[in-house]
Amino acid sequence: MRRTRDHRPSTLFRGGELPRLLTLVIMLGVLVMLIGLAGDPNTWRWLAPDAGGEPTERMAAAADNPGNVVAPDPAVGGPTDDDAAERDAAREEFQAVTDKTPLAAEEMPAYWRLMAWQQHQTTGSMLKRAQADVSFRQLWQQPQAWRGRLVRIAVHLRRTATVENLEDNALSLATAYEVWGWNTDSQPYWYWLVCPQLPPGMPTGSSIYEEATFVGYFFKLLPYEDHQGKTLATPLLIGRLVWHPMAANPLARSDEWTWPWYLAGVLMVLFVARWGLALAGWTSKSRPGRTLPTGGSQQQVAAWLESAERADDAPGERSDSGDTSTNRPSQPGVE
């Protein structure tokens, strides 16, 4: 008579469940750590040092650092916004300036007056006189109040372009540079900066990642079109750039690459643990024993189960057939 065997598993986990469960637990731990790192603003300073949100004192330290690079000061002198007559003339010209519209011919006298003011003084004197706590919101909401005022802004530079063949001007400038950048106060919007010169050695092009302090005069809100075809407006300023090379930038953290090493270590532990569990599973599977065929039909599986049960019953059957005197049934008529 065929005996029915109990094929229920003897342990909670079968096959690869345990390695998968441990992998899931480790990955959840990594996810929790990444969420904590992502919530810390200091984590992202390796990508863009947070100059825009720094106190005014640290911004000033960045601008005055000896490792900074600035363009040579112009060798010409002349009137600036310190002169009362210049301020009065500028106020008359500012009446022709309209915000959120392209540059027009009637606005160019005021444009070139601001360009002349920054050309008639040194970068150091501009840094000392400039107002450093002006925000993007102030320029956006009150452009008339800030027009022609000297400001200082810390920016993350992302793009530069050269403007050649300038119109005839009293400064004899033939070339200027347009620079786009942002800070934590303006993001995701940009500052549009115009400079007659760039600091020597500063990278240029359509994709740069540099830190700088801009010092100059606010002119107007200038419209532009973003990548999605939407028309926006941004502050247009005229002045100078103080470039902060990364090695000389006091706002950059020395431990900015620490957390990627932590992440690499956790991933290495995950790999080693997963590899060890896989090796243990492979070793257990390599031990001799009966394995259930895979990929067969129901008839093949049933035949395999029947053969396995026969193999289990074989020792008992041989034991019964070995003792013929006691286990043989009696027959009628035989003594």
C-alpha atoms as a PDB file:
ATOM      1  CA  MET A   1       0.000   0.000   0.000  1.00  0.00           C
ATOM      2  CA  ARG A   2       1.414   3.395  -1.027  1.00  0.00           C
ATOM      3  CA  ARG A   3       2.081   5.719   1.871  1.00  0.00           C
ATOM      4  CA  THR A   4       1.286   9.397   1.732  1.00  0.00           C
ATOM      5  CA  ARG A   5       4.277  11.563   2.660  1.00  0.00           C
ATOM      6  CA  ASP A   6       4.130  15.058   4.118  1.00  0.00           C
ATOM      7  CA  HIS A   7       6.055  17.361   1.757  1.00  0.00           C
ATOM      8  CA  ARG A   8       5.626  20.536   3.828  1.00  0.00           C
ATOM      9  CA  PRO A   9       8.824  22.609   4.213  1.00  0.00           C
ATOM     10  CA  SER A  10      10.765  22.105   7.419  1.00  0.00           C
ATOM     11  CA  THR A  11      11.909  25.772   7.574  1.00  0.00           C
ATOM     12  CA  LEU A  12      10.271  29.170   7.149  1.00  0.00           C
ATOM     13  CA  PHE A  13      12.320  30.097   4.077  1.00  0.00           C
ATOM     14  CA  ARG A  14      12.734  28.002   0.971  1.00  0.00           C
ATOM     15  CA  GLY A  15      15.040  28.622  -1.975  1.00  0.00           C
ATOM     16  CA  GLY A  16      16.077  32.280  -2.386  1.00  0.00           C
ATOM     17  CA  GLU A  17      13.599  33.926  -0.006  1.00  0.00           C
ATOM     18  CA  LEU A  18      16.118  34.566   2.763  1.00  0.00           C
ATOM     19  CA  PRO A  19      18.763  36.243   0.540  1.00  0.00           C
ATOM     20  CA  ARG A  20      16.067  38.371  -1.061  1.00  0.00           C
ATOM     21  CA  LEU A  21      14.664  39.386   2.317  1.00  0.00           C
ATOM     22  CA  LEU A  22      18.108  40.383   3.620  1.00  0.00           C
ATOM     23  CA  THR A  23      18.785  42.315   0.408  1.00  0.00           C
ATOM     24  CA  LEU A  24      15.496  44.177   0.853  1.00  0.00           C
ATOM     25  CA  VAL A  25      16.332  45.061   4.460  1.00  0.00           C
ATOM     26  CA  ILE A  26      19.765  46.398   3.481  1.00  0.00           C
ATOM     27  CA  MET A  27      18.331  48.403   0.586  1.00  0.00           C
ATOM     28  CA  LEU A  28      15.720  49.918   2.895  1.00  0.00           C
ATOM     29  CA  GLY A  29      18.538  50.962   5.214  1.00  0.00           C
ATOM     30  CA  VAL A  30      20.369  52.567   2.289  1.00  0.00           C
ATOM     31  CA  LEU A  31      17.171  54.359   1.249  1.00  0.00           C
ATOM     32  CA  VAL A  32      16.671  55.758   4.756  1.00  0.00           C
ATOM     33  CA  MET A  33      20.260  57.018   4.782  1.00  0.00           C
ATOM     34  CA  LEU A  34      19.847  58.657   1.353  1.00  0.00           C
ATOM     35  CA  ILE A  35      16.643  60.382   2.481  1.00  0.00           C
ATOM     36  CA  GLY A  36      18.488  61.791   5.489  1.00  0.00           C
ATOM     37  CA  LEU A  37      21.379  62.974   3.325  1.00  0.00           C
ATOM     38  CA  ALA A  38      19.051  64.518   0.744  1.00  0.00           C
ATOM     39  CA  GLY A  39      17.273  66.466   3.481  1.00  0.00           C
ATOM     40  CA  ASP A  40      20.528  68.097   4.591  1.00  0.00           C
ATOM     41  CA  PRO A  41      21.255  71.247   2.500  1.00  0.00           C
ATOM     42  CA  ASN A  42      24.979  70.799   3.084  1.00  0.00           C
ATOM     43  CA  THR A  43      24.865  67.544   1.113  1.00  0.00           C
ATOM     44  CA  TRP A  44      24.485  69.386  -2.178  1.00  0.00           C
ATOM     45  CA  ARG A  45      27.204  71.993  -1.686  1.00  0.00           C
ATOM     46  CA  TRP A  46      29.638  69.894  -3.740  1.00  0.00           C
ATOM     47  CA  LEU A  47      27.292  70.525  -6.707  1.00  0.00           C
ATOM     48  CA  ALA A  48      26.711  74.245  -6.132  1.00  0.00           C
ATOM     49  CA  PRO A  49      28.224  75.848  -3.011  1.00  0.00           C
ATOM     50  CA  ASP A  50      25.453  77.718  -1.287  1.00  0.00           C
ATOM     51  CA  ALA A  51      26.840  81.222  -1.641  1.00  0.00           C
ATOM     52  CA  GLY A  52      23.467  82.835  -2.208  1.00  0.00           C
ATOM     53  CA  GLY A  53      22.126  81.966   1.229  1.00  0.00           C
ATOM     54  CA  GLU A  54      25.230  82.875   3.205  1.00  0.00           C
ATOM     55  CA  PRO A  55      25.346  85.785   5.636  1.00  0.00           C
ATOM     56  CA  THR A  56      26.676  89.072   4.342  1.00  0.00           C
ATOM     57  CA  GLU A  57      29.902  88.673   6.323  1.00  0.00           C
ATOM     58  CA  ARG A  58      30.786  85.394   4.588  1.00  0.00           C
ATOM     59  CA  MET A  59      29.878  86.844   1.193  1.00  0.00           C
ATOM     60  CA  ALA A  60      32.272  89.688   1.878  1.00  0.00           C
ATOM     61  CA  ALA A  61      34.975  87.215   2.872  1.00  0.00           C
ATOM     62  CA  ALA A  62      34.495  85.407  -0.427  1.00  0.00           C
ATOM     63  CA  ALA A  63      34.757  88.646  -2.413  1.00  0.00           C
ATOM     64  CA  ASP A  64      37.897  89.779  -0.569  1.00  0.00           C
ATOM     65  CA  ASN A  65      39.723  86.432  -0.623  1.00  0.00           C
ATOM     66  CA  PRO A  66      43.303  86.769  -1.976  1.00  0.00           C
ATOM     67  CA  GLY A  67      42.781  83.768  -4.251  1.00  0.00           C
ATOM     68  CA  ASN A  68      40.052  85.503  -6.245  1.00  0.00           C
ATOM     69  CA  VAL A  69      40.602  86.623  -9.839  1.00  0.00           C
ATOM     70  CA  VAL A  70      39.332  89.910 -11.282  1.00  0.00           C
ATOM     71  CA  ALA A  71      39.783  91.677 -14.576  1.00  0.00           C
ATOM     72  CA  PRO A  72      42.349  94.508 -14.631  1.00  0.00           C
ATOM     73  CA  ASP A  73      40.913  97.847 -13.546  1.00  0.00           C
ATOM     74  CA  PRO A  74      40.293 100.311 -16.396  1.00  0.00           C
ATOM     75  CA  ALA A  75      43.012 102.906 -16.806  1.00  0.00           C
ATOM     76  CA  VAL A  76      40.471 105.693 -17.302  1.00  0.00           C
ATOM     77  CA  GLY A  77      38.792 107.898 -14.732  1.00  0.00           C
ATOM     78  CA  GLY A  78      35.613 109.880 -14.828  1.00  0.00           C
ATOM     79  CA  PRO A  79      32.335 110.686 -13.074  1.00  0.00           C
ATOM     80  CA  THR A  80      30.346 108.002 -11.260  1.00  0.00           C
ATOM     81  CA  ASP A  81      27.117 107.827  -9.302  1.00  0.00           C
ATOM     82  CA  ASP A  82      28.923 109.656  -6.485  1.00  0.00           C
ATOM     83  CA  ASP A  83      28.493 112.845  -8.530  1.00  0.00           C
ATOM     84  CA  ALA A  84      25.173 114.616  -7.932  1.00  0.00           C
ATOM     85  CA  ALA A  85      25.030 115.928 -11.502  1.00  0.00           C
ATOM     86  CA  GLU A  86      25.485 112.392 -12.820  1.00  0.00           C
ATOM     87  CA  ARG A  87      22.647 111.105 -10.667  1.00  0.00           C
ATOM     88  CA  ASP A  88      20.329 113.843 -11.885  1.00  0.00           C
ATOM     89  CA  ALA A  89      21.189 113.105 -15.534  1.00  0.00           C
ATOM     90  CA  ALA A  90      20.622 109.406 -14.945  1.00  0.00           C
ATOM     91  CA  ARG A  91      17.185 110.002 -13.436  1.00  0.00           C
ATOM     92  CA  GLU A  92      16.168 111.848 -16.598  1.00  0.00           C
ATOM     93  CA  GLU A  93      17.376 108.962 -18.787  1.00  0.00           C
ATOM     94  CA  PHE A  94      15.764 106.300 -16.586  1.00  0.00           C
ATOM     95  CA  GLN A  95      12.342 107.729 -17.478  1.00  0.00           C
ATOM     96  CA  ALA A  96      12.718 106.156 -20.927  1.00  0.00           C
ATOM     97  CA  VAL A  97      13.437 102.697 -19.498  1.00  0.00           C
ATOM     98  CA  THR A  98      10.582 100.177 -19.509  1.00  0.00           C
ATOM     99  CA  ASP A  99      10.806  96.900 -17.619  1.00  0.00           C
ATOM    100  CA  LYS A 100       9.946  93.494 -19.118  1.00  0.00           C
ATOM    101  CA  THR A 101      10.510  94.745 -22.688  1.00  0.00           C
ATOM    102  CA  PRO A 102      13.487  94.235 -25.042  1.00  0.00           C
ATOM    103  CA  LEU A 103      16.203  96.845 -25.124  1.00  0.00           C
ATOM    104  CA  ALA A 104      15.078  99.859 -27.144  1.00  0.00           C
ATOM    105  CA  ALA A 105      17.039 102.681 -28.730  1.00  0.00           C
ATOM    106  CA  GLU A 106      15.691 105.259 -26.265  1.00  0.00           C
ATOM    107  CA  GLU A 107      17.052 103.172 -23.368  1.00  0.00           C
ATOM    108  CA  MET A 108      20.645 102.999 -24.616  1.00  0.00           C
ATOM    109  CA  PRO A 109      21.801 106.384 -23.183  1.00  0.00           C
ATOM    110  CA  ALA A 110      20.986 105.125 -19.682  1.00  0.00           C
ATOM    111  CA  TYR A 111      22.621 101.763 -20.515  1.00  0.00           C
ATOM    112  CA  TRP A 112      25.895 103.378 -21.550  1.00  0.00           C
ATOM    113  CA  ARG A 113      25.851 105.759 -18.581  1.00  0.00           C
ATOM    114  CA  LEU A 114      25.845 102.750 -16.195  1.00  0.00           C
ATOM    115  CA  MET A 115      28.590 101.134 -18.252  1.00  0.00           C
ATOM    116  CA  ALA A 116      30.651 104.309 -17.930  1.00  0.00           C
ATOM    117  CA  TRP A 117      30.125 104.481 -14.175  1.00  0.00           C
ATOM    118  CA  GLN A 118      31.602 101.019 -13.651  1.00  0.00           C
ATOM    119  CA  GLN A 119      34.484 101.799 -16.057  1.00  0.00           C
ATOM    120  CA  HIS A 120      35.431 104.928 -14.072  1.00  0.00           C
ATOM    121  CA  GLN A 121      36.253 103.140 -10.807  1.00  0.00           C
ATOM    122  CA  THR A 122      38.188 100.191  -9.473  1.00  0.00           C
ATOM    123  CA  THR A 123      36.665  96.847  -8.540  1.00  0.00           C
ATOM    124  CA  GLY A 124      37.822  97.309  -4.939  1.00  0.00           C
ATOM    125  CA  SER A 125      36.060 100.638  -4.553  1.00  0.00           C
ATOM    126  CA  MET A 126      32.889  99.207  -6.050  1.00  0.00           C
ATOM    127  CA  LEU A 127      32.929  96.284  -3.612  1.00  0.00           C
ATOM    128  CA  LYS A 128      33.243  98.649  -0.663  1.00  0.00           C
ATOM    129  CA  ARG A 129      30.353 100.855  -1.730  1.00  0.00           C
ATOM    130  CA  ALA A 130      27.958  98.231  -3.089  1.00  0.00           C
ATOM    131  CA  GLN A 131      24.911  97.084  -1.136  1.00  0.00           C
ATOM    132  CA  ALA A 132      25.302  93.363  -0.429  1.00  0.00           C
ATOM    133  CA  ASP A 133      21.942  92.378   1.043  1.00  0.00           C
ATOM    134  CA  VAL A 134      19.756  93.027  -2.012  1.00  0.00           C
ATOM    135  CA  SER A 135      17.535  90.086  -2.965  1.00  0.00           C
ATOM    136  CA  PHE A 136      16.127  88.863  -6.256  1.00  0.00           C
ATOM    137  CA  ARG A 137      12.628  89.601  -4.983  1.00  0.00           C
ATOM    138  CA  GLN A 138      13.506  93.244  -4.331  1.00  0.00           C
ATOM    139  CA  LEU A 139      14.839  93.743  -7.850  1.00  0.00           C
ATOM    140  CA  TRP A 140      11.803  91.997  -9.319  1.00  0.00           C
ATOM    141  CA  GLN A 141       9.129  93.758  -7.292  1.00  0.00           C
ATOM    142  CA  GLN A 142      10.695  97.253  -7.164  1.00  0.00           C
ATOM    143  CA  PRO A 143      12.786  97.731 -10.307  1.00  0.00           C
ATOM    144  CA  GLN A 144      12.284 101.500 -10.396  1.00  0.00           C
ATOM    145  CA  ALA A 145      13.540 101.885  -6.825  1.00  0.00           C
ATOM    146  CA  TRP A 146      16.716  99.887  -7.558  1.00  0.00           C
ATOM    147  CA  ARG A 147      17.479 101.194 -11.040  1.00  0.00           C
ATOM    148  CA  GLY A 148      20.994 102.624 -11.211  1.00  0.00           C
ATOM    149  CA  ARG A 149      21.973 101.457  -7.698  1.00  0.00           C
ATOM    150  CA  LEU A 150      25.248  99.681  -7.009  1.00  0.00           C
ATOM    151  CA  VAL A 151      24.713  96.135  -5.688  1.00  0.00           C
ATOM    152  CA  ARG A 152      26.781  93.037  -4.923  1.00  0.00           C
ATOM    153  CA  ILE A 153      25.403  89.540  -5.594  1.00  0.00           C
ATOM    154  CA  ALA A 154      26.947  86.097  -5.139  1.00  0.00           C
ATOM    155  CA  VAL A 155      26.114  83.883  -8.129  1.00  0.00           C
ATOM    156  CA  HIS A 156      26.680  80.381  -9.495  1.00  0.00           C
ATOM    157  CA  LEU A 157      27.814  80.977 -13.085  1.00  0.00           C
ATOM    158  CA  ARG A 158      26.446  78.592 -15.723  1.00  0.00           C
ATOM    159  CA  ARG A 159      26.882  80.258 -19.121  1.00  0.00           C
ATOM    160  CA  THR A 160      28.777  83.010 -20.932  1.00  0.00           C
ATOM    161  CA  ALA A 161      28.480  84.558 -24.394  1.00  0.00           C
ATOM    162  CA  THR A 162      30.535  87.152 -26.265  1.00  0.00           C
ATOM    163  CA  VAL A 163      28.835  90.204 -27.765  1.00  0.00           C
ATOM    164  CA  GLU A 164      30.889  91.713 -30.576  1.00  0.00           C
ATOM    165  CA  ASN A 165      30.551  94.712 -32.874  1.00  0.00           C
ATOM    166  CA  LEU A 166      29.021  96.961 -30.262  1.00  0.00           C
ATOM    167  CA  GLU A 167      27.524 100.236 -31.402  1.00  0.00           C
ATOM    168  CA  ASP A 168      29.701 103.328 -31.278  1.00  0.00           C
ATOM    169  CA  ASN A 169      30.132 104.502 -27.710  1.00  0.00           C
ATOM    170  CA  ALA A 170      32.171 107.036 -25.779  1.00  0.00           C
ATOM    171  CA  LEU A 171      34.064 104.249 -23.989  1.00  0.00           C
ATOM    172  CA  SER A 172      35.383 102.781 -27.275  1.00  0.00           C
ATOM    173  CA  LEU A 173      34.245  99.307 -26.206  1.00  0.00           C
ATOM    174  CA  ALA A 174      34.021  96.883 -29.126  1.00  0.00           C
ATOM    175  CA  THR A 175      33.284  93.718 -27.133  1.00  0.00           C
ATOM    176  CA  ALA A 176      31.258  92.842 -24.044  1.00  0.00           C
ATOM    177  CA  TYR A 177      30.334  89.608 -22.288  1.00  0.00           C
ATOM    178  CA  GLU A 178      26.943  88.360 -21.197  1.00  0.00           C
ATOM    179  CA  VAL A 179      26.949  85.984 -18.238  1.00  0.00           C
ATOM    180  CA  TRP A 180      24.049  84.019 -16.758  1.00  0.00           C
ATOM    181  CA  GLY A 181      23.978  82.776 -13.188  1.00  0.00           C
ATOM    182  CA  TRP A 182      21.721  82.112 -10.217  1.00  0.00           C
ATOM    183  CA  ASN A 183      21.821  81.773  -6.439  1.00  0.00           C
ATOM    184  CA  THR A 184      19.611  80.222  -3.787  1.00  0.00           C
ATOM    185  CA  ASP A 185      17.652  83.457  -3.530  1.00  0.00           C
ATOM    186  CA  SER A 186      16.782  83.582  -7.249  1.00  0.00           C
ATOM    187  CA  GLN A 187      16.444  79.938  -8.270  1.00  0.00           C
ATOM    188  CA  PRO A 188      15.068  78.749 -10.588  1.00  0.00           C
ATOM    189  CA  TYR A 189      15.422  82.191 -12.223  1.00  0.00           C
ATOM    190  CA  TRP A 190      18.609  83.737 -13.591  1.00  0.00           C
ATOM    191  CA  TYR A 191      20.553  86.965 -13.364  1.00  0.00           C
ATOM    192  CA  TRP A 192      21.601  88.476 -16.710  1.00  0.00           C
ATOM    193  CA  LEU A 193      25.005  90.117 -16.192  1.00  0.00           C
ATOM    194  CA  VAL A 194      26.874  92.316 -18.672  1.00  0.00           C
ATOM    195  CA  CYS A 195      30.625  92.818 -18.188  1.00  0.00           C
ATOM    196  CA  PRO A 196      33.144  94.649 -20.401  1.00  0.00           C
ATOM    197  CA  GLN A 197      35.785  92.071 -19.368  1.00  0.00           C
ATOM    198  CA  LEU A 198      35.947  88.659 -17.712  1.00  0.00           C
ATOM    199  CA  PRO A 199      38.477  87.595 -15.092  1.00  0.00           C
ATOM    200  CA  PRO A 200      41.556  86.097 -16.797  1.00  0.00           C
ATOM    201  CA  GLY A 201      41.480  82.315 -16.941  1.00  0.00           C
ATOM    202  CA  MET A 202      37.806  81.948 -16.034  1.00  0.00           C
ATOM    203  CA  PRO A 203      36.107  79.157 -18.044  1.00  0.00           C
ATOM    204  CA  THR A 204      33.638  80.320 -20.672  1.00  0.00           C
ATOM    205  CA  GLY A 205      31.001  78.677 -22.826  1.00  0.00           C
ATOM    206  CA  SER A 206      27.455  77.381 -22.729  1.00  0.00           C
ATOM    207  CA  SER A 207      28.028  75.012 -19.789  1.00  0.00           C
ATOM    208  CA  ILE A 208      30.261  76.180 -16.939  1.00  0.00           C
ATOM    209  CA  TYR A 209      30.176  75.612 -13.180  1.00  0.00           C
ATOM    210  CA  GLU A 210      31.953  78.496 -11.500  1.00  0.00           C
ATOM    211  CA  GLU A 211      31.433  80.659  -8.421  1.00  0.00           C
ATOM    212  CA  ALA A 212      31.662  84.446  -8.523  1.00  0.00           C
ATOM    213  CA  THR A 213      30.563  87.694  -6.918  1.00  0.00           C
ATOM    214  CA  PHE A 214      29.036  90.262  -9.216  1.00  0.00           C
ATOM    215  CA  VAL A 215      29.310  93.953  -8.395  1.00  0.00           C
ATOM    216  CA  GLY A 216      27.573  96.506 -10.579  1.00  0.00           C
ATOM    217  CA  TYR A 217      24.464  98.509 -11.383  1.00  0.00           C
ATOM    218  CA  PHE A 218      20.930  97.246 -11.841  1.00  0.00           C
ATOM    219  CA  PHE A 219      19.457  98.439 -15.138  1.00  0.00           C
ATOM    220  CA  LYS A 220      16.070  96.790 -15.846  1.00  0.00           C
ATOM    221  CA  LEU A 221      14.022  93.592 -16.014  1.00  0.00           C
ATOM    222  CA  LEU A 222      14.784  92.080 -19.416  1.00  0.00           C
ATOM    223  CA  PRO A 223      12.533  89.425 -21.040  1.00  0.00           C
ATOM    224  CA  TYR A 224      13.879  86.138 -22.367  1.00  0.00           C
ATOM    225  CA  GLU A 225      12.488  82.812 -23.574  1.00  0.00           C
ATOM    226  CA  ASP A 226      13.190  79.624 -21.640  1.00  0.00           C
ATOM    227  CA  HIS A 227      13.668  76.106 -23.049  1.00  0.00           C
ATOM    228  CA  GLN A 228       9.917  75.485 -23.011  1.00  0.00           C
ATOM    229  CA  GLY A 229       9.158  78.569 -25.073  1.00  0.00           C
ATOM    230  CA  LYS A 230       7.777  80.496 -22.111  1.00  0.00           C
ATOM    231  CA  THR A 231       8.611  84.209 -21.862  1.00  0.00           C
ATOM    232  CA  LEU A 232      10.123  85.233 -18.531  1.00  0.00           C
ATOM    233  CA  ALA A 233      11.957  88.304 -17.259  1.00  0.00           C
ATOM    234  CA  THR A 234      15.211  88.586 -15.343  1.00  0.00           C
ATOM    235  CA  PRO A 235      17.277  91.393 -13.793  1.00  0.00           C
ATOM    236  CA  LEU A 236      19.838  92.884 -16.183  1.00  0.00           C
ATOM    237  CA  LEU A 237      22.896  94.293 -14.402  1.00  0.00           C
ATOM    238  CA  ILE A 238      26.061  95.985 -15.693  1.00  0.00           C
ATOM    239  CA  GLY A 239      29.375  95.691 -13.867  1.00  0.00           C
ATOM    240  CA  ARG A 240      32.255  93.364 -12.945  1.00  0.00           C
ATOM    241  CA  LEU A 241      32.816  89.768 -11.877  1.00  0.00           C
ATOM    242  CA  VAL A 242      35.026  88.572  -9.039  1.00  0.00           C
ATOM    243  CA  TRP A 243      35.795  84.946  -9.874  1.00  0.00           C
ATOM    244  CA  HIS A 244      36.242  82.490  -6.996  1.00  0.00           C
ATOM    245  CA  PRO A 245      38.241  79.465  -8.205  1.00  0.00           C
ATOM    246  CA  MET A 246      37.144  76.385  -6.288  1.00  0.00           C
ATOM    247  CA  ALA A 247      40.477  75.994  -4.495  1.00  0.00           C
ATOM    248  CA  ALA A 248      40.222  79.572  -3.193  1.00  0.00           C
ATOM    249  CA  ASN A 249      36.512  79.648  -2.407  1.00  0.00           C
ATOM    250  CA  PRO A 250      35.985  79.844   1.390  1.00  0.00           C
ATOM    251  CA  LEU A 251      32.332  78.856   0.920  1.00  0.00           C
ATOM    252  CA  ALA A 252      33.265  75.417  -0.430  1.00  0.00           C
ATOM    253  CA  ARG A 253      33.396  72.601   2.136  1.00  0.00           C
ATOM    254  CA  SER A 254      36.505  70.477   2.531  1.00  0.00           C
ATOM    255  CA  ASP A 255      34.401  67.414   3.380  1.00  0.00           C
ATOM    256  CA  GLU A 256      32.038  67.739   0.424  1.00  0.00           C
ATOM    257  CA  TRP A 257      32.931  64.261  -0.903  1.00  0.00           C
ATOM    258  CA  THR A 258      32.533  62.429   2.428  1.00  0.00           C
ATOM    259  CA  TRP A 259      28.983  61.223   1.975  1.00  0.00           C
ATOM    260  CA  PRO A 260      29.588  59.618  -1.474  1.00  0.00           C
ATOM    261  CA  TRP A 261      32.279  57.493   0.167  1.00  0.00           C
ATOM    262  CA  TYR A 262      29.776  56.438   2.842  1.00  0.00           C
ATOM    263  CA  LEU A 263      27.322  55.452   0.154  1.00  0.00           C
ATOM    264  CA  ALA A 264      29.976  53.485  -1.712  1.00  0.00           C
ATOM    265  CA  GLY A 265      30.820  51.620   1.508  1.00  0.00           C
ATOM    266  CA  VAL A 266      27.194  50.680   2.128  1.00  0.00           C
ATOM    267  CA  LEU A 267      26.809  49.445  -1.444  1.00  0.00           C
ATOM    268  CA  MET A 268      29.967  47.374  -1.047  1.00  0.00           C
ATOM    269  CA  VAL A 269      28.576  45.765   2.108  1.00  0.00           C
ATOM    270  CA  LEU A 270      25.362  45.025   0.232  1.00  0.00           C
ATOM    271  CA  PHE A 271      27.287  43.405  -2.596  1.00  0.00           C
ATOM    272  CA  VAL A 272      29.395  41.259  -0.270  1.00  0.00           C
ATOM    273  CA  ALA A 273      26.352  40.141   1.735  1.00  0.00           C
ATOM    274  CA  ARG A 274      24.407  39.265  -1.393  1.00  0.00           C
ATOM    275  CA  TRP A 275      27.361  37.418  -2.891  1.00  0.00           C
ATOM    276  CA  GLY A 276      27.889  35.431   0.343  1.00  0.00           C
ATOM    277  CA  LEU A 277      24.238  34.418   0.510  1.00  0.00           C
ATOM    278  CA  ALA A 278      24.255  33.406  -3.131  1.00  0.00           C
ATOM    279  CA  LEU A 279      27.391  31.323  -2.566  1.00  0.00           C
ATOM    280  CA  ALA A 280      25.794  29.595   0.444  1.00  0.00           C
ATOM    281  CA  GLY A 281      22.713  28.773  -1.606  1.00  0.00           C
ATOM    282  CA  TRP A 282      24.821  27.399  -4.438  1.00  0.00           C
ATOM    283  CA  THR A 283      26.748  25.188  -2.003  1.00  0.00           C
ATOM    284  CA  SER A 284      23.569  23.760  -0.489  1.00  0.00           C
ATOM    285  CA  LYS A 285      22.145  23.029  -3.914  1.00  0.00           C
ATOM    286  CA  SER A 286      25.311  21.199  -4.958  1.00  0.00           C
ATOM    287  CA  ARG A 287      24.840  18.523  -2.252  1.00  0.00           C
ATOM    288  CA  PRO A 288      23.651  15.098  -3.497  1.00  0.00           C
ATOM    289  CA  GLY A 289      19.943  14.431  -3.304  1.00  0.00           C
ATOM    290  CA  ARG A 290      16.819  14.195  -5.357  1.00  0.00           C
ATOM    291  CA  THR A 291      15.686  17.321  -7.131  1.00  0.00           C
ATOM    292  CA  LEU A 292      12.334  17.984  -8.650  1.00  0.00           C
ATOM    293  CA  PRO A 293      12.562  18.307 -12.432  1.00  0.00           C
ATOM    294  CA  THR A 294      11.642  21.712 -13.813  1.00  0.00           C
ATOM    295  CA  GLY A 295       9.930  22.547 -17.023  1.00  0.00           C
ATOM    296  CA  GLY A 296       8.241  19.107 -17.368  1.00  0.00           C
ATOM    297  CA  SER A 297       4.630  18.180 -17.839  1.00  0.00           C
ATOM    298  CA  GLN A 298       2.261  17.061 -15.105  1.00  0.00           C
ATOM    299  CA  GLN A 299       2.742  13.417 -16.106  1.00  0.00           C
ATOM    300  CA  GLN A 300       6.535  13.751 -15.716  1.00  0.00           C
ATOM    301  CA  VAL A 301       6.151  15.364 -12.295  1.00  0.00           C
ATOM    302  CA  ALA A 302       3.742  12.604 -11.185  1.00  0.00           C
ATOM    303  CA  ALA A 303       6.152   9.929 -12.426  1.00  0.00           C
ATOM    304  CA  TRP A 304       8.997  11.581 -10.527  1.00  0.00           C
ATOM    305  CA  LEU A 305       6.966  11.639  -7.288  1.00  0.00           C
ATOM    306  CA  GLU A 306       6.025   7.972  -7.714  1.00  0.00           C
ATOM    307  CA  SER A 307       9.639   6.946  -8.269  1.00  0.00           C
ATOM    308  CA  ALA A 308      10.712   8.947  -5.214  1.00  0.00           C
ATOM    309  CA  GLU A 309       8.150   7.217  -3.032  1.00  0.00           C
ATOM    310  CA  ARG A 310       9.167   3.823  -4.353  1.00  0.00           C
ATOM    311  CA  ALA A 311      12.775   4.578  -3.470  1.00  0.00           C
ATOM    312  CA  ASP A 312      11.721   5.525   0.063  1.00  0.00           C
ATOM    313  CA  ASP A 313       9.646   2.344   0.424  1.00  0.00           C
ATOM    314  CA  ALA A 314      12.310   0.017  -1.013  1.00  0.00           C
ATOM    315  CA  PRO A 315      14.262  -0.675   2.255  1.00  0.00           C
ATOM    316  CA  GLY A 316      11.117  -1.757   4.082  1.00  0.00           C
ATOM    317  CA  GLU A 317      10.082  -4.053   1.288  1.00  0.00           C
ATOM    318  CA  ARG A 318      13.472  -5.769   1.214  1.00  0.00           C
ATOM    319  CA  SER A 319      13.262  -6.279   4.976  1.00  0.00           C
ATOM    320  CA  ASP A 320       9.852  -7.952   4.685  1.00  0.00           C
ATOM    321  CA  SER A 321      10.985 -10.300   1.927  1.00  0.00           C
ATOM    322  CA  GLY A 322      14.056 -11.386   3.836  1.00  0.00           C
ATOM    323  CA  ASP A 323      12.154 -13.331   6.562  1.00  0.00           C
ATOM    324  CA  THR A 324      10.107 -16.016   4.696  1.00  0.00           C
ATOM    325  CA  SER A 325       9.285 -18.167   7.672  1.00  0.00           C
ATOM    326  CA  THR A 326       7.383 -15.686   9.731  1.00  0.00           C
ATOM    327  CA  ASN A 327       5.952 -13.294   7.230  1.00  0.00           C
ATOM    328  CA  ARG A 328       4.695 -15.701   4.531  1.00  0.00           C
ATOM    329  CA  PRO A 329       0.911 -16.088   4.766  1.00  0.00           C
ATOM    330  CA  SER A 330      -0.445 -19.577   5.357  1.00  0.00           C
ATOM    331  CA  GLN A 331      -2.240 -21.319   2.548  1.00  0.00           C
ATOM    332  CA  PRO A 332      -5.248 -23.566   3.034  1.00  0.00           C
ATOM    333  CA  GLY A 333      -4.470 -27.209   2.809  1.00  0.00           C
ATOM    334  CA  VAL A 334      -0.734 -26.849   3.507  1.00  0.00           C
ATOM    335  CA  GLU A 335       0.772 -27.985   6.779  1.00  0.00           C
END
